[in-house]
Protein backbone atom coordinates (compact mmCIF):
# COMPACT_ATOMS: atom_id res chain seq x y z
CA UNK A 1 -13.58 126.95 163.94
CA UNK A 2 -11.83 128.08 167.12
CA UNK A 3 -13.71 127.31 170.35
CA UNK A 4 -13.62 130.21 172.79
CA UNK A 5 -12.18 129.30 176.17
CA UNK A 6 -12.38 130.83 179.62
CA UNK A 7 -10.57 130.53 182.92
CA UNK A 8 -12.36 129.17 186.00
CA UNK A 9 -13.28 132.60 187.35
CA UNK A 10 -14.70 133.65 184.00
CA UNK A 11 -16.71 130.41 183.88
CA UNK A 12 -18.28 131.32 187.23
CA UNK A 13 -19.30 134.77 186.03
CA UNK A 14 -20.53 133.51 182.67
CA UNK A 15 -22.61 130.79 184.34
CA UNK A 16 -24.12 133.27 186.82
CA UNK A 17 -25.11 135.53 183.96
CA UNK A 18 -26.71 132.59 182.14
CA UNK A 19 -28.65 131.81 185.31
CA UNK A 20 -30.06 135.38 185.23
CA UNK A 21 -28.29 136.52 188.39
CA UNK A 22 -28.67 140.29 188.83
CA UNK A 23 -26.71 140.79 192.05
CA UNK A 24 -24.08 138.97 194.01
CA UNK A 25 -23.50 140.04 197.61
CA UNK A 26 -20.00 139.62 198.94
CA UNK A 27 -16.69 140.67 200.40
CA UNK A 28 -13.29 140.03 198.77
CA UNK A 29 -10.38 138.04 200.16
CA UNK A 30 -7.28 136.19 199.02
CA UNK A 31 -8.82 132.95 197.81
CA UNK A 32 -11.39 134.65 195.57
CA UNK A 33 -9.37 137.57 194.17
CA UNK A 34 -9.21 135.92 190.75
CA UNK A 35 -12.98 135.74 190.76
CA UNK A 36 -13.24 139.39 191.78
CA UNK A 37 -10.94 140.24 188.89
CA UNK A 38 -13.33 138.42 186.53
CA UNK A 39 -16.23 140.44 187.94
CA UNK A 40 -14.38 143.68 187.22
CA UNK A 41 -15.48 145.46 184.08
CA UNK A 42 -18.35 143.14 183.09
CA UNK A 43 -21.89 144.51 183.40
CA UNK A 44 -24.16 141.46 183.50
CA UNK A 45 -23.75 140.63 187.20
CA UNK A 46 -23.45 143.47 189.71
CA UNK A 47 -21.44 142.89 192.86
CA UNK A 48 -22.66 144.55 196.07
CA UNK A 49 -19.85 145.17 198.56
CA UNK A 50 -21.11 144.64 202.11
CA UNK A 51 -19.19 145.41 205.29
CA UNK A 52 -19.55 141.95 206.84
CA UNK A 53 -20.24 138.56 205.26
CA UNK A 54 -23.17 137.84 207.56
CA UNK A 55 -24.84 140.90 206.09
CA UNK A 56 -24.17 139.54 202.60
CA UNK A 57 -26.17 136.42 203.38
CA UNK A 58 -29.04 138.42 204.88
CA UNK A 59 -29.09 140.80 201.89
CA UNK A 60 -29.26 137.83 199.53
CA UNK A 61 -31.93 136.30 201.76
CA UNK A 62 -34.10 139.44 201.80
CA UNK A 63 -33.70 139.79 198.03
CA UNK A 64 -34.76 136.15 197.58
CA UNK A 65 -37.77 136.41 199.88
CA UNK A 66 -39.08 139.53 198.16
CA UNK A 67 -38.47 138.43 194.56
CA UNK A 68 -38.67 134.64 194.63
CA UNK A 69 -35.29 134.50 192.88
CA UNK A 70 -32.17 132.77 194.17
CA UNK A 71 -29.98 135.01 196.33
CA UNK A 72 -26.24 134.71 195.66
CA UNK A 73 -23.37 135.25 198.10
CA UNK A 74 -19.60 135.35 197.54
CA UNK A 75 -17.15 134.98 200.41
CA UNK A 76 -13.48 134.21 200.77
CA UNK A 77 -12.17 131.14 202.60
CA UNK A 78 -11.79 130.73 206.35
CA UNK A 79 -13.32 133.61 208.34
CA UNK A 80 -15.17 134.93 205.31
CA UNK A 81 -16.93 131.61 204.88
CA UNK A 82 -17.61 131.06 208.58
CA UNK A 83 -19.07 134.57 208.85
CA UNK A 84 -21.77 133.31 206.47
CA UNK A 85 -22.88 130.45 208.70
CA UNK A 86 -25.57 132.37 210.62
CA UNK A 87 -27.08 133.65 207.38
CA UNK A 88 -27.01 130.18 205.84
CA UNK A 89 -28.80 128.77 208.88
CA UNK A 90 -31.37 131.59 208.72
CA UNK A 91 -32.16 130.74 205.10
CA UNK A 92 -32.23 127.02 205.81
CA UNK A 93 -34.73 127.30 208.65
CA UNK A 94 -37.11 129.40 206.52
CA UNK A 95 -36.57 127.48 203.24
CA UNK A 96 -35.08 130.40 201.31
CA UNK A 97 -33.33 129.77 197.97
CA UNK A 98 -29.68 130.83 198.22
CA UNK A 99 -26.37 129.85 196.65
CA UNK A 100 -23.23 130.64 198.63
CA UNK A 101 -19.97 130.65 196.67
CA UNK A 102 -17.12 130.11 199.09
CA UNK A 103 -13.46 130.41 198.29
CA UNK A 104 -11.07 127.75 199.52
CA UNK A 105 -7.31 127.32 199.76
CA UNK A 106 -5.65 125.55 196.79
CA UNK A 107 -6.62 121.90 196.44
CA UNK A 108 -3.15 120.63 197.32
CA UNK A 109 -3.29 122.47 200.68
CA UNK A 110 -6.74 121.32 201.77
CA UNK A 111 -6.40 119.49 205.06
CA UNK A 112 -3.06 121.08 205.95
CA UNK A 113 -4.54 123.86 208.12
CA UNK A 114 -3.30 126.36 205.56
CA UNK A 115 -3.77 130.10 206.05
CA UNK A 116 -7.50 130.91 206.09
CA UNK A 117 -8.54 127.29 205.59
CA UNK A 118 -11.85 126.11 207.05
CA UNK A 119 -13.94 123.15 205.98
CA UNK A 120 -16.99 125.24 205.12
CA UNK A 121 -18.77 122.25 203.59
CA UNK A 122 -18.35 120.36 206.86
CA UNK A 123 -19.26 123.41 208.95
CA UNK A 124 -22.46 124.05 207.06
CA UNK A 125 -23.55 120.47 206.34
CA UNK A 126 -26.43 120.43 208.89
CA UNK A 127 -27.82 123.76 207.63
CA UNK A 128 -27.76 123.41 203.84
CA UNK A 129 -29.91 121.61 201.35
CA UNK A 130 -26.78 120.41 199.54
CA UNK A 131 -23.08 121.21 199.10
CA UNK A 132 -20.64 120.93 196.22
CA UNK A 133 -16.85 120.55 196.44
CA UNK A 134 -15.80 121.84 193.04
CA UNK A 135 -12.45 120.33 192.05
CA UNK A 136 -12.57 120.63 188.27
CA UNK A 137 -12.96 124.03 186.60
CA UNK A 138 -14.57 122.41 183.57
CA UNK A 139 -17.47 121.37 185.82
CA UNK A 140 -18.18 124.87 187.18
CA UNK A 141 -21.14 125.68 184.88
CA UNK A 142 -22.77 122.30 185.52
CA UNK A 143 -22.26 122.52 189.28
CA UNK A 144 -23.71 126.03 189.42
CA UNK A 145 -26.70 124.98 187.33
CA UNK A 146 -27.31 122.09 189.73
CA UNK A 147 -26.86 124.36 192.74
CA UNK A 148 -29.49 126.81 191.47
CA UNK A 149 -31.87 123.98 190.57
CA UNK A 150 -31.56 122.44 194.02
CA UNK A 151 -31.86 125.78 195.81
CA UNK A 152 -35.06 126.78 194.02
CA UNK A 153 -37.07 123.58 193.55
CA UNK A 154 -38.97 121.29 195.90
CA UNK A 155 -38.57 122.75 199.38
CA UNK A 156 -36.15 125.62 198.66
CA UNK A 157 -32.99 126.14 200.67
CA UNK A 158 -29.35 127.24 200.69
CA UNK A 159 -26.63 125.45 198.71
CA UNK A 160 -22.90 125.92 199.31
CA UNK A 161 -20.40 125.69 196.45
CA UNK A 162 -16.75 125.49 197.51
CA UNK A 163 -14.25 126.88 194.97
CA UNK A 164 -10.54 126.16 195.67
CA UNK A 165 -8.22 128.92 194.52
CA UNK A 166 -6.41 126.77 191.95
CA UNK A 167 -9.53 126.07 189.86
CA UNK A 168 -10.03 129.83 189.51
CA UNK A 169 -6.50 130.27 188.11
CA UNK A 170 -6.64 132.87 185.30
CA UNK A 171 -3.87 131.07 183.39
CA UNK A 172 -5.86 127.88 182.81
CA UNK A 173 -8.50 127.95 180.06
CA UNK A 174 -11.52 125.73 179.48
CA UNK A 175 -14.52 125.32 177.23
CA UNK A 176 -17.77 126.82 178.50
CA UNK A 177 -20.42 124.10 178.55
CA UNK A 178 -23.64 125.11 180.29
CA UNK A 179 -26.32 122.39 180.50
CA UNK A 180 -29.67 123.34 178.99
CA UNK A 181 -31.62 121.40 181.62
CA UNK A 182 -30.89 119.63 184.88
CA UNK A 183 -31.91 116.12 185.83
CA UNK A 184 -30.65 114.47 189.00
CA UNK A 185 -31.37 110.78 189.51
CA UNK A 186 -31.48 111.06 193.31
CA UNK A 187 -33.53 114.27 193.44
CA UNK A 188 -37.09 114.20 192.17
CA UNK A 189 -39.43 116.24 194.38
CA UNK A 190 -43.07 115.24 194.14
CA UNK A 191 -45.33 117.56 192.17
CA UNK A 192 -48.76 115.95 192.04
CA UNK A 193 -50.58 114.73 195.13
CA UNK A 194 -51.50 111.05 195.15
CA UNK A 195 -55.11 110.72 193.88
CA UNK A 196 -56.16 108.49 196.80
CA UNK A 197 -54.80 110.99 199.32
CA UNK A 198 -56.50 113.86 197.51
CA UNK A 199 -59.78 111.96 197.68
CA UNK A 200 -59.35 111.33 201.42
CA UNK A 201 -58.48 114.99 202.00
CA UNK A 202 -61.55 116.22 200.11
CA UNK A 203 -63.82 113.81 202.01
CA UNK A 204 -62.48 115.14 205.33
CA UNK A 205 -62.79 118.78 204.25
CA UNK A 206 -66.35 118.43 202.93
CA UNK A 207 -67.41 116.48 206.00
CA UNK A 208 -66.05 119.03 208.46
CA UNK A 209 -68.29 121.04 210.75
CA UNK A 210 -65.48 123.16 212.23
CA UNK A 211 -62.85 123.42 209.49
CA UNK A 212 -59.77 125.62 209.86
CA UNK A 213 -57.23 126.27 207.13
CA UNK A 214 -53.72 126.71 208.55
CA UNK A 215 -51.22 128.03 206.02
CA UNK A 216 -47.50 128.64 206.37
CA UNK A 217 -44.52 129.99 204.51
CA UNK A 218 -44.93 127.35 201.81
CA UNK A 219 -47.85 129.33 200.37
CA UNK A 220 -45.61 132.38 199.99
CA UNK A 221 -42.66 130.43 198.59
CA UNK A 222 -44.82 128.56 196.06
CA UNK A 223 -46.59 131.71 194.84
CA UNK A 224 -50.00 130.19 195.52
CA UNK A 225 -51.67 133.06 197.37
CA UNK A 226 -54.37 133.46 194.70
CA UNK A 227 -55.15 129.73 194.75
CA UNK A 228 -55.32 129.75 198.54
CA UNK A 229 -57.72 132.69 198.53
CA UNK A 230 -59.95 130.96 195.99
CA UNK A 231 -60.09 127.81 198.12
CA UNK A 232 -60.86 129.78 201.28
CA UNK A 233 -63.70 131.61 199.55
CA UNK A 234 -65.11 128.44 198.00
CA UNK A 235 -65.22 126.75 201.40
CA UNK A 236 -66.00 129.96 203.32
CA UNK A 237 -63.53 128.63 205.87
CA UNK A 238 -61.65 130.54 208.57
CA UNK A 239 -57.95 130.79 207.81
CA UNK A 240 -54.97 131.47 210.02
CA UNK A 241 -51.36 132.06 208.97
CA UNK A 242 -48.12 131.25 210.70
CA UNK A 243 -45.59 134.03 211.23
CA UNK A 244 -43.90 133.00 207.98
CA UNK A 245 -47.20 132.72 206.13
CA UNK A 246 -48.43 136.27 206.74
CA UNK A 247 -49.56 137.82 203.47
CA UNK A 248 -50.43 134.40 202.03
CA UNK A 249 -53.98 135.73 202.22
CA UNK A 250 -54.67 139.41 202.74
CA UNK A 251 -54.62 140.44 206.39
CA UNK A 252 -57.83 142.38 205.70
CA UNK A 253 -59.72 139.41 204.19
CA UNK A 254 -62.92 138.72 206.19
CA UNK A 255 -62.02 135.02 206.55
CA UNK A 256 -58.60 135.76 208.02
CA UNK A 257 -58.70 135.20 211.77
CA UNK A 258 -55.18 136.38 212.56
CA UNK A 259 -51.77 134.92 213.10
CA UNK A 260 -51.46 131.59 214.88
CA UNK A 261 -49.16 130.53 217.68
CA UNK A 262 -47.21 131.89 220.61
CA UNK A 263 -48.25 135.50 219.99
CA UNK A 264 -51.16 134.70 217.70
CA UNK A 265 -54.69 135.99 218.02
CA UNK A 266 -57.18 134.54 220.49
CA UNK A 267 -59.60 133.63 217.70
CA UNK A 268 -56.93 131.83 215.65
CA UNK A 269 -55.67 129.75 218.55
CA UNK A 270 -59.20 129.04 219.84
CA UNK A 271 -60.37 128.01 216.38
CA UNK A 272 -57.47 125.59 215.99
CA UNK A 273 -58.07 124.10 219.42
CA UNK A 274 -61.75 123.51 218.66
CA UNK A 275 -61.50 122.47 215.01
CA UNK A 276 -62.65 119.04 213.86
CA UNK A 277 -60.60 119.23 210.64
CA UNK A 278 -57.39 121.19 210.09
CA UNK A 279 -56.11 121.67 206.54
CA UNK A 280 -52.41 122.50 206.91
CA UNK A 281 -50.82 123.94 203.77
CA UNK A 282 -47.06 124.49 203.54
CA UNK A 283 -46.63 124.67 207.31
CA UNK A 284 -44.45 122.50 209.52
CA UNK A 285 -46.19 122.60 212.92
CA UNK A 286 -43.36 124.56 214.47
CA UNK A 287 -43.10 124.57 218.27
CA UNK A 288 -44.01 128.28 218.28
CA UNK A 289 -47.39 127.20 216.88
CA UNK A 290 -48.13 123.94 218.68
CA UNK A 291 -47.09 124.78 222.25
CA UNK A 292 -47.35 121.41 224.07
CA UNK A 293 -47.60 118.80 221.31
CA UNK A 294 -49.34 116.36 223.67
CA UNK A 295 -52.21 118.84 224.04
CA UNK A 296 -52.32 120.01 220.41
CA UNK A 297 -55.79 119.90 218.83
CA UNK A 298 -56.66 116.37 220.06
CA UNK A 299 -60.10 116.30 218.40
CA UNK A 300 -58.97 117.36 214.94
CA UNK A 301 -58.39 115.30 211.83
CA UNK A 302 -55.24 116.76 210.32
CA UNK A 303 -54.75 116.98 206.57
CA UNK A 304 -51.15 118.03 205.94
CA UNK A 305 -49.96 119.12 202.49
CA UNK A 306 -46.26 119.75 201.93
CA UNK A 307 -43.69 119.29 199.19
CA UNK A 308 -41.22 117.97 201.75
CA UNK A 309 -42.23 114.49 202.97
CA UNK A 310 -39.88 114.76 205.96
CA UNK A 311 -41.95 117.65 207.32
CA UNK A 312 -45.14 115.60 207.44
CA UNK A 313 -45.82 113.90 210.77
CA UNK A 314 -42.44 115.09 212.02
CA UNK A 315 -43.97 116.93 214.98
CA UNK A 316 -47.72 116.33 214.79
CA UNK A 317 -49.15 113.17 213.28
CA UNK A 318 -50.97 113.80 210.00
CA UNK A 319 -54.07 111.64 209.59
CA UNK A 320 -54.16 112.41 205.86
CA UNK A 321 -50.70 113.26 204.46
CA UNK A 322 -50.45 114.70 200.95
CA UNK A 323 -47.00 115.11 199.43
CA UNK A 324 -46.72 117.43 196.47
CA UNK A 325 -46.17 120.92 195.10
CA UNK A 326 -48.73 123.28 196.60
CA UNK A 327 -49.61 124.81 193.25
CA UNK A 328 -50.57 121.42 191.85
CA UNK A 329 -52.20 120.04 195.01
CA UNK A 330 -54.32 123.17 195.47
CA UNK A 331 -55.45 122.80 191.87
CA UNK A 332 -56.39 119.18 192.56
CA UNK A 333 -58.24 120.07 195.77
CA UNK A 334 -60.07 122.99 194.17
CA UNK A 335 -61.25 120.89 191.21
CA UNK A 336 -62.56 118.11 193.47
CA UNK A 337 -64.24 120.51 195.92
CA UNK A 338 -65.89 122.48 193.11
CA UNK A 339 -67.61 119.27 191.99
CA UNK A 340 -68.98 118.52 195.44
CA UNK A 341 -69.28 121.90 197.18
CA UNK A 342 -73.01 121.27 197.75
CA UNK A 343 -72.00 118.73 200.40
CA UNK A 344 -70.59 121.44 202.68
CA UNK A 345 -72.72 121.67 205.84
CA UNK A 346 -73.52 125.39 205.64
CA UNK A 347 -75.66 125.28 208.78
CA UNK A 348 -72.81 123.90 210.88
CA UNK A 349 -70.50 126.39 209.20
CA UNK A 350 -72.77 129.27 210.24
CA UNK A 351 -72.63 128.07 213.86
CA UNK A 352 -68.84 127.85 213.59
CA UNK A 353 -68.55 131.41 212.34
CA UNK A 354 -70.81 132.65 215.14
CA UNK A 355 -68.43 131.10 217.67
CA UNK A 356 -65.41 132.68 215.95
CA UNK A 357 -67.19 136.03 215.94
CA UNK A 358 -67.60 135.77 219.70
CA UNK A 359 -63.87 135.16 220.11
CA UNK A 360 -63.11 138.06 217.78
CA UNK A 361 -65.33 140.33 219.87
CA UNK A 362 -62.88 140.02 222.76
CA UNK A 363 -60.47 142.18 220.70
CA UNK A 364 -57.34 140.46 221.90
CA UNK A 365 -55.05 143.04 220.26
CA UNK A 366 -56.60 146.01 222.09
CA UNK A 367 -54.08 147.85 224.25
CA UNK A 368 -53.78 150.87 226.53
CA UNK A 369 -52.57 153.60 224.20
CA UNK A 370 -51.11 155.70 227.01
CA UNK A 371 -50.72 159.48 227.12
CA UNK A 372 -47.15 160.40 227.95
CA UNK A 373 -45.41 157.34 226.49
CA UNK A 374 -45.19 156.01 222.95
CA UNK A 375 -46.60 152.52 222.64
CA UNK A 376 -44.76 150.30 220.13
CA UNK A 377 -48.08 149.03 218.78
CA UNK A 378 -49.06 152.60 217.94
CA UNK A 379 -45.88 153.09 215.93
CA UNK A 380 -46.58 150.03 213.79
CA UNK A 381 -50.21 151.08 213.26
CA UNK A 382 -49.10 154.53 212.12
CA UNK A 383 -46.49 153.08 209.77
CA UNK A 384 -49.30 151.00 208.26
CA UNK A 385 -51.44 154.11 207.80
CA UNK A 386 -48.73 156.26 206.25
CA UNK A 387 -47.67 153.50 203.81
CA UNK A 388 -51.29 152.52 203.04
CA UNK A 389 -50.31 148.97 203.90
CA UNK A 390 -48.17 148.71 200.77
CA UNK A 391 -44.67 148.71 202.25
CA UNK A 392 -42.22 145.85 202.36
CA UNK A 393 -41.69 145.37 206.09
CA UNK A 394 -38.51 143.72 207.31
CA UNK A 395 -37.88 143.02 210.96
CA UNK A 396 -35.24 141.83 213.33
CA UNK A 397 -36.18 139.51 216.17
CA UNK A 398 -37.90 140.33 219.44
CA UNK A 399 -40.90 142.29 220.65
CA UNK A 400 -40.77 144.65 217.68
CA UNK A 401 -41.03 141.65 215.33
CA UNK A 402 -44.21 140.45 217.02
CA UNK A 403 -45.72 143.95 217.10
CA UNK A 404 -45.05 144.28 213.37
CA UNK A 405 -46.64 140.90 212.68
CA UNK A 406 -49.69 141.69 214.80
CA UNK A 407 -50.42 145.31 213.85
CA UNK A 408 -49.43 145.58 210.17
CA UNK A 409 -52.05 143.62 208.14
CA UNK A 410 -50.10 142.37 205.13
CA UNK A 411 -52.06 142.56 201.91
CA UNK A 412 -49.71 140.52 199.75
CA UNK A 413 -47.24 137.65 199.93
CA UNK A 414 -43.50 138.49 200.05
CA UNK A 415 -44.34 141.77 201.78
CA UNK A 416 -43.31 140.55 205.24
CA UNK A 417 -39.60 139.71 205.54
CA UNK A 418 -38.41 138.25 208.83
CA UNK A 419 -36.30 135.49 210.34
CA UNK A 420 -38.89 133.08 211.66
CA UNK A 421 -37.19 129.75 212.25
CA UNK A 422 -33.75 130.77 213.48
CA UNK A 423 -34.76 134.09 215.03
CA UNK A 424 -31.68 136.00 213.89
CA UNK A 425 -30.96 139.38 215.43
CA UNK A 426 -29.19 141.56 212.89
CA UNK A 427 -31.29 140.22 210.00
CA UNK A 428 -33.56 143.22 209.51
CA UNK A 429 -31.34 145.95 208.09
CA UNK A 430 -29.40 143.89 205.51
CA UNK A 431 -32.60 142.06 204.50
CA UNK A 432 -34.28 145.43 203.93
CA UNK A 433 -31.30 146.47 201.83
CA UNK A 434 -31.73 143.40 199.63
CA UNK A 435 -35.42 144.20 199.18
CA UNK A 436 -34.72 147.86 198.40
CA UNK A 437 -32.18 146.85 195.79
CA UNK A 438 -34.84 144.70 194.11
CA UNK A 439 -37.62 147.30 194.43
CA UNK A 440 -36.01 150.74 194.59
CA UNK A 441 -39.29 152.64 194.08
CA UNK A 442 -41.15 150.94 196.92
CA UNK A 443 -41.28 151.81 200.60
CA UNK A 444 -39.02 149.38 202.45
CA UNK A 445 -39.17 149.59 206.24
CA UNK A 446 -36.89 147.91 208.75
CA UNK A 447 -38.73 147.57 212.07
CA UNK A 448 -36.05 146.90 214.65
CA UNK A 449 -34.97 147.43 218.23
CA UNK A 450 -32.02 149.03 219.96
CA UNK A 451 -30.47 145.60 220.50
CA UNK A 452 -30.96 144.05 217.07
CA UNK A 453 -29.96 147.09 215.01
CA UNK A 454 -26.49 147.08 216.53
CA UNK A 455 -25.79 143.56 215.25
CA UNK A 456 -25.20 144.72 211.67
CA UNK A 457 -25.25 148.49 211.97
CA UNK A 458 -22.04 148.76 209.95
CA UNK A 459 -24.19 148.17 206.85
CA UNK A 460 -25.27 151.81 207.05
CA UNK A 461 -22.04 152.33 205.11
CA UNK A 462 -23.21 149.96 202.36
CA UNK A 463 -26.55 151.77 202.22
CA UNK A 464 -24.79 155.04 201.48
CA UNK A 465 -22.55 153.54 198.80
CA UNK A 466 -25.49 152.07 196.87
CA UNK A 467 -28.14 154.68 197.67
CA UNK A 468 -30.43 152.26 199.52
CA UNK A 469 -33.03 154.60 201.01
CA UNK A 470 -34.64 152.25 203.52
CA UNK A 471 -36.57 153.55 206.51
CA UNK A 472 -35.30 152.25 209.84
CA UNK A 473 -37.97 152.35 212.53
CA UNK A 474 -36.23 151.50 215.78
CA UNK A 475 -38.55 150.81 218.71
CA UNK A 476 -36.02 151.82 221.34
CA UNK A 477 -36.96 150.49 224.77
CA UNK A 478 -33.40 150.58 226.11
CA UNK A 479 -33.41 146.83 226.58
CA UNK A 480 -33.61 143.42 224.98
CA UNK A 481 -37.39 143.61 225.11
CA UNK A 482 -38.43 140.00 224.63
CA UNK A 483 -35.75 138.78 227.03
CA UNK A 484 -36.94 141.31 229.58
CA UNK A 485 -40.55 140.25 229.08
CA UNK A 486 -39.71 136.60 229.79
CA UNK A 487 -37.73 137.70 232.84
CA UNK A 488 -40.76 139.66 234.06
CA UNK A 489 -43.08 136.71 233.54
CA UNK A 490 -40.93 133.76 234.56
CA UNK A 491 -37.99 135.03 236.61
CA UNK A 492 -39.67 137.34 239.06
CA UNK A 493 -38.60 140.49 237.26
CA UNK A 494 -34.90 139.74 237.66
CA UNK A 495 -33.50 141.54 234.61
CA UNK A 496 -30.23 139.73 234.19
CA UNK A 497 -28.22 141.36 231.37
CA UNK A 498 -31.31 142.50 229.48
CA UNK A 499 -31.02 146.27 229.96
CA UNK A 500 -28.82 148.30 227.60
CA UNK A 501 -27.10 150.58 230.09
CA UNK A 502 -25.02 152.23 227.37
CA UNK A 503 -26.50 153.05 223.99
CA UNK A 504 -25.13 155.22 221.19
CA UNK A 505 -26.81 158.38 220.01
CA UNK A 506 -28.48 156.68 217.05
CA UNK A 507 -29.32 159.97 215.35
CA UNK A 508 -25.70 161.13 215.47
CA UNK A 509 -24.55 157.67 214.42
CA UNK A 510 -26.84 157.64 211.38
CA UNK A 511 -25.69 161.12 210.44
CA UNK A 512 -22.05 160.09 210.78
CA UNK A 513 -22.71 157.49 208.07
CA UNK A 514 -24.21 160.18 205.84
CA UNK A 515 -27.90 159.53 206.52
CA UNK A 516 -30.78 161.35 208.21
CA UNK A 517 -31.53 160.68 211.86
CA UNK A 518 -34.74 161.62 213.70
CA UNK A 519 -35.35 161.10 217.41
CA UNK A 520 -38.89 160.82 218.77
CA UNK A 521 -39.42 161.08 222.53
CA UNK A 522 -43.10 161.97 222.96
CA UNK A 523 -46.39 160.79 221.38
CA UNK A 524 -47.05 164.35 220.16
CA UNK A 525 -43.94 164.15 217.95
CA UNK A 526 -44.68 160.81 216.31
CA UNK A 527 -46.98 161.76 213.42
CA UNK A 528 -44.79 164.60 212.18
CA UNK A 529 -41.64 162.49 212.42
CA UNK A 530 -43.15 159.65 210.39
CA UNK A 531 -44.54 162.04 207.78
CA UNK A 532 -41.14 163.67 207.39
CA UNK A 533 -39.32 160.34 207.17
CA UNK A 534 -41.60 158.85 204.54
CA UNK A 535 -41.68 162.04 202.48
CA UNK A 536 -37.94 161.63 201.92
CA UNK A 537 -37.53 159.10 199.11
CA UNK A 538 -33.86 159.42 198.20
CA UNK A 539 -32.20 159.11 201.61
CA UNK A 540 -32.02 156.53 204.36
CA UNK A 541 -33.84 157.78 207.46
CA UNK A 542 -33.17 156.35 210.92
CA UNK A 543 -36.09 156.92 213.31
CA UNK A 544 -35.00 156.43 216.92
CA UNK A 545 -38.39 156.15 218.66
CA UNK A 546 -38.32 155.95 222.46
CA UNK A 547 -41.15 153.56 223.33
CA UNK A 548 -42.59 152.36 226.61
CA UNK A 549 -39.96 150.02 228.01
CA UNK A 550 -42.47 148.19 230.22
CA UNK A 551 -44.76 147.10 227.39
CA UNK A 552 -45.26 143.36 226.81
CA UNK A 553 -46.39 141.47 223.71
CA UNK A 554 -49.83 139.92 224.13
CA UNK A 555 -51.57 137.60 223.55
CA UNK A 556 -49.02 134.97 224.59
CA UNK A 557 -49.39 131.22 224.89
CA UNK A 558 -48.88 129.81 228.39
CA UNK A 559 -45.80 127.61 228.39
CA UNK A 560 -46.53 123.85 228.13
CA UNK A 561 -50.24 124.50 227.70
CA UNK A 562 -52.60 123.76 224.84
CA UNK A 563 -52.55 125.92 221.73
CA UNK A 564 -55.32 128.12 223.18
CA UNK A 565 -54.00 128.42 226.72
CA UNK A 566 -53.08 132.10 226.61
CA UNK A 567 -52.31 135.26 228.51
CA UNK A 568 -54.44 138.05 227.07
CA UNK A 569 -52.70 140.74 229.10
CA UNK A 570 -50.71 140.97 232.30
CA UNK A 571 -52.38 138.65 234.81
CA UNK A 572 -55.39 137.88 232.57
CA UNK A 573 -55.82 134.44 231.00
CA UNK A 574 -58.10 133.56 228.11
């Protein structure tokens, strides 16, 4: 019996198909042309041609965040690979599963500074979960299977696979041998929490008088929103989310006390500061949460659950560390708490909720709605109303990102797509494109600013080619808003290089790419413009909304203070 054989490029495509890859986001170049030839004509894996490799990584990232699947990128060697670095770092900081296939010069030229040679494995080493230098075409299926396994298990993250041009040679044929399962001796992420640590955690939780549950992006990534909600309701505990954890519990749930951190709610930050027990689930105590670590929640016993042991006690000491998969650990915690829920001090809990209610009553997100200017908060609130809170909302980075996080209560996990850890301008549009590709019938909104949108605006061309009818809501304040806000607050209003003195006509620009552009200058125009934009389901609509350029994001933690040292508005401290 004759064994069918394939060249290296065909092995890549065949392996990707076996791994259930729907889309690969990329841009062709010399070192990967054989692989592009193998992609031609087959129908199992669709290639999406971007206009810049950074956008390819963000598209794959957005697709991965929204679906939970591994995003896949293909780039040529040298500049193609290095253009991916920002997107790789973005995924790494937020623990997003991604596999980046990078071309490389032929093996015999590596190290000779050949045309378009860059050591992409070396360049990306600090910002990947793992890398593979593939030197044997026969090993391609096994290496890809390992790459996908590593990217998607434990704490997810990006994996780079380097493919020299010679192993993709169409003249050399090999047997296709795809492993049925993957086991790696040096990689065995913990699943079950240690019973003794679970017992200690439950004792602390049941003995608490001022418990706060603090959940992060790990809840979203581990698909444990339902388990989290059950635990919250069993304990009747207040819960706060990090920026990355929004949607982990519904933003309209009565126990949700708002986002935590630098621009978090007063009640969330106050509750954390006054808690006696903090149950941290899939969160890493990022500096945008803790503020001054020396002043962070000094009276609290901290129970920290995470699949990544290196994240525990990295920034804030955990009194009770629990290493394990959130799905399993939450199951363990729930079972133990169900048996002893009568031990919860409901009287103390009632007092705790009364205090939180008092903080809530201060309505820290209230703002002056203005008359003759459009407030950015109003835009986000109206987008929430018109989409019934069901849209996928992607953002870039800056004031608009914080307004979206504060004023769009996310009902579900994977609904909020943003660059939290790296803070990447230019992320929003390509990420929205990846989401729209995955969910073409859903509303997908890119909330952006006049600075961020220009970072990857060339992808409007890609949107037209693939019919990606996203809605771009640009909160145009003619400046780099968050930079300007910091300059107002800390540099005496000296706006050094933060004003955009020359901006394009975004409506004309969108139309030049074949899309619909709508400009909104006055509050009286806003409702009609949004209704028109969201009534159009088969075209990309770019809304250029001129908002109040003097508006600041509040609340805001006071630099180097405790977690609850906050500005509530200009000149007013909590």
